């Protein structure tokens, strides 16, 4: 019961912090050894003609020129959209011995496909998943499992209904 209560508090805090600000808040005065690198790739709004044929990315989707990969410590069993290209990674250090990451990427899925994917694949992969909020063009959910908790946000891309932006924030419990 205590572990569930702790997990619930962490997930609520993550949810509140995700709503309060779109930018991650670093730990106050981190030591140099605690500072983690932040990787950011450049997104270019001009699609390449053969993008869908080579990557599955719709031609209308923003181009991620230098995609990045999630760290090895990222939850390994967490279902991610097939073909997603990550362009932002932030390692958030706020609680010692608990990895925390914020990643953002472009997925070659419609808004409805993304929601259906999360609702089906999260439980199938062994994660408890619950919708937090859904508004026009935005869907938020909480998840936990395998010693991880987090939030996921899917946003509609106005210029490209065939792609969505995914934002994941995870914490190792």
Protein backbone atom coordinates (compact mmCIF):
# COMPACT_ATOMS: atom_id res chain seq x y z
CA UNK A 1 0.00 0.00 0.00
CA UNK A 2 2.84 2.39 0.87
CA UNK A 3 4.61 1.75 -2.45
CA UNK A 4 1.35 2.35 -4.36
CA UNK A 5 0.79 5.56 -2.38
CA UNK A 6 4.37 6.70 -3.16
CA UNK A 7 3.91 5.86 -6.86
CA UNK A 8 0.61 7.77 -6.92
CA UNK A 9 2.24 10.83 -5.39
CA UNK A 10 5.13 10.73 -7.88
CA UNK A 11 2.75 10.37 -10.84
CA UNK A 12 0.58 13.25 -9.54
CA UNK A 13 3.63 15.46 -9.11
CA UNK A 14 4.81 14.61 -12.63
CA UNK A 15 1.37 15.42 -13.98
CA UNK A 16 1.22 18.74 -12.18
CA UNK A 17 4.68 19.73 -13.27
CA UNK A 18 3.84 18.82 -16.86
CA UNK A 19 0.76 21.06 -16.76
CA UNK A 20 2.50 23.93 -15.00
CA UNK A 21 5.26 24.34 -17.51
CA UNK A 22 6.32 22.86 -20.78
CA UNK A 23 9.98 23.35 -19.86
CA UNK A 24 11.65 20.95 -17.43
CA UNK A 25 12.80 22.41 -14.13
CA UNK A 26 16.33 21.39 -13.14
CA UNK A 27 17.33 20.59 -9.58
CA UNK A 28 18.38 23.61 -7.54
CA UNK A 29 22.14 24.17 -7.61
CA UNK A 30 23.18 20.73 -8.92
CA UNK A 31 26.75 19.67 -8.37
CA UNK A 32 28.84 19.48 -11.56
CA UNK A 33 28.86 15.67 -11.30
CA UNK A 34 25.05 15.63 -11.12
CA UNK A 35 24.52 17.73 -14.23
CA UNK A 36 23.42 15.60 -17.10
CA UNK A 37 23.84 16.48 -20.73
CA UNK A 38 20.90 17.76 -22.70
CA UNK A 39 20.67 16.66 -26.30
CA UNK A 40 18.61 18.61 -28.79
CA UNK A 41 18.24 17.92 -32.48
CA UNK A 42 17.24 20.53 -35.01
CA UNK A 43 13.83 20.30 -36.65
CA UNK A 44 13.39 21.75 -40.11
CA UNK A 45 9.88 22.45 -41.37
CA UNK A 46 10.68 21.58 -44.99
CA UNK A 47 9.93 17.90 -45.74
CA UNK A 48 12.06 15.82 -48.04
CA UNK A 49 10.31 14.36 -51.11
CA UNK A 50 11.06 10.73 -50.29
CA UNK A 51 10.61 10.91 -46.51
CA UNK A 52 7.72 8.48 -46.25
CA UNK A 53 9.39 5.93 -48.50
CA UNK A 54 12.59 5.85 -46.41
CA UNK A 55 11.46 6.46 -42.81
CA UNK A 56 7.70 6.04 -42.70
CA UNK A 57 7.48 9.75 -41.87
CA UNK A 58 4.68 11.49 -43.76
CA UNK A 59 5.94 14.11 -46.23
CA UNK A 60 4.03 16.84 -44.36
CA UNK A 61 5.70 16.08 -41.01
CA UNK A 62 8.50 18.27 -39.67
CA UNK A 63 11.94 16.86 -40.44
CA UNK A 64 14.19 15.87 -37.57
CA UNK A 65 17.63 16.48 -39.06
CA UNK A 66 19.61 14.81 -36.28
CA UNK A 67 17.41 12.31 -34.44
CA UNK A 68 18.59 11.23 -31.03
CA UNK A 69 18.13 7.95 -29.19
CA UNK A 70 16.74 7.48 -25.72
CA UNK A 71 19.31 6.55 -23.06
CA UNK A 72 20.01 2.93 -22.17
CA UNK A 73 18.48 3.53 -18.74
CA UNK A 74 15.14 4.50 -20.35
CA UNK A 75 12.30 2.02 -19.59
CA UNK A 76 13.04 -0.86 -21.96
CA UNK A 77 9.53 -2.34 -22.12
CA UNK A 78 7.77 1.01 -22.64
CA UNK A 79 5.85 0.85 -25.94
CA UNK A 80 6.86 3.70 -28.24
CA UNK A 81 5.26 4.71 -31.52
CA UNK A 82 6.81 2.81 -34.44
CA UNK A 83 9.00 5.15 -36.48
CA UNK A 84 9.11 7.92 -33.88
CA UNK A 85 12.04 10.30 -34.28
CA UNK A 86 13.19 11.84 -31.00
CA UNK A 87 14.60 15.35 -31.21
CA UNK A 88 14.83 16.48 -27.57
CA UNK A 89 16.18 14.69 -24.51
CA UNK A 90 16.51 16.24 -21.09
CA UNK A 91 17.94 14.36 -18.13
CA UNK A 92 16.24 15.85 -15.08
CA UNK A 93 18.11 15.39 -11.80
CA UNK A 94 15.84 16.16 -8.86
CA UNK A 95 15.85 13.01 -6.72
CA UNK A 96 19.15 11.19 -6.08
CA UNK A 97 19.36 7.61 -7.47
CA UNK A 98 16.20 8.00 -9.57
CA UNK A 99 16.68 8.62 -13.29
CA UNK A 100 14.28 11.14 -14.78
CA UNK A 101 13.97 11.93 -18.46
CA UNK A 102 11.89 14.16 -20.68
CA UNK A 103 11.88 13.19 -24.37
CA UNK A 104 10.03 14.75 -27.30
CA UNK A 105 9.61 13.31 -30.77
CA UNK A 106 7.57 13.21 -33.97
CA UNK A 107 5.56 10.03 -34.58
CA UNK A 108 4.22 9.00 -38.01
CA UNK A 109 0.74 8.37 -36.58
CA UNK A 110 -2.48 10.36 -36.64
CA UNK A 111 -3.82 11.74 -33.38
CA UNK A 112 -6.46 8.98 -33.16
CA UNK A 113 -3.92 6.26 -34.04
CA UNK A 114 -1.61 7.54 -31.29
CA UNK A 115 -4.36 7.40 -28.67
CA UNK A 116 -5.44 3.92 -29.78
CA UNK A 117 -1.80 2.77 -29.71
CA UNK A 118 -1.29 4.00 -26.13
CA UNK A 119 -4.59 2.58 -24.86
CA UNK A 120 -3.87 -0.84 -26.37
CA UNK A 121 -0.08 -1.19 -26.11
CA UNK A 122 0.58 0.21 -22.62
CA UNK A 123 -1.51 -2.41 -20.78
CA UNK A 124 -0.37 -5.15 -23.17
CA UNK A 125 3.26 -4.30 -22.31
CA UNK A 126 2.46 -4.54 -18.58
CA UNK A 127 2.04 -0.85 -17.73
CA UNK A 128 -0.88 0.57 -15.78
CA UNK A 129 -2.20 3.34 -18.01
CA UNK A 130 -4.82 5.98 -17.27
CA UNK A 131 -6.02 8.94 -19.30
CA UNK A 132 -5.58 12.21 -17.42
CA UNK A 133 -7.03 14.71 -19.81
CA UNK A 134 -8.09 15.03 -23.40
CA UNK A 135 -8.69 18.27 -25.21
CA UNK A 136 -8.92 19.15 -28.85
CA UNK A 137 -5.56 18.17 -30.32
CA UNK A 138 -4.01 17.07 -27.00
CA UNK A 139 -4.14 13.82 -25.02
CA UNK A 140 -2.44 13.20 -21.65
CA UNK A 141 -2.00 9.96 -19.75
CA UNK A 142 -0.20 8.54 -16.71
CA UNK A 143 1.54 5.20 -16.60
CA UNK A 144 3.55 3.06 -14.21
CA UNK A 145 5.16 -0.34 -14.28
CA UNK A 146 8.49 -2.17 -14.00
CA UNK A 147 9.72 0.36 -11.43
CA UNK A 148 8.97 3.39 -13.63
CA UNK A 149 6.22 6.02 -13.58
CA UNK A 150 5.52 8.85 -15.97
CA UNK A 151 3.28 10.90 -18.18
CA UNK A 152 2.75 10.92 -21.91
CA UNK A 153 1.32 13.76 -23.97
CA UNK A 154 0.30 13.48 -27.62
CA UNK A 155 -0.26 16.65 -29.63
CA UNK A 156 -1.88 17.08 -33.02
CA UNK A 157 0.35 18.78 -35.62
CA UNK A 158 -1.82 21.35 -37.41
CA UNK A 159 0.19 21.28 -40.64
CA UNK A 160 0.23 17.46 -40.76
CA UNK A 161 -2.70 15.36 -39.55
CA UNK A 162 -0.69 12.20 -40.38
CA UNK A 163 1.88 12.88 -37.61
CA UNK A 164 1.85 13.75 -33.91
CA UNK A 165 4.25 15.11 -31.33
CA UNK A 166 4.90 12.81 -28.37
CA UNK A 167 6.27 14.08 -25.05
CA UNK A 168 7.24 11.54 -22.40
CA UNK A 169 8.40 12.24 -18.88
CA UNK A 170 9.60 9.22 -16.91
CA UNK A 171 11.03 8.65 -13.44
CA UNK A 172 12.68 5.56 -12.00
CA UNK A 173 10.99 4.74 -8.69
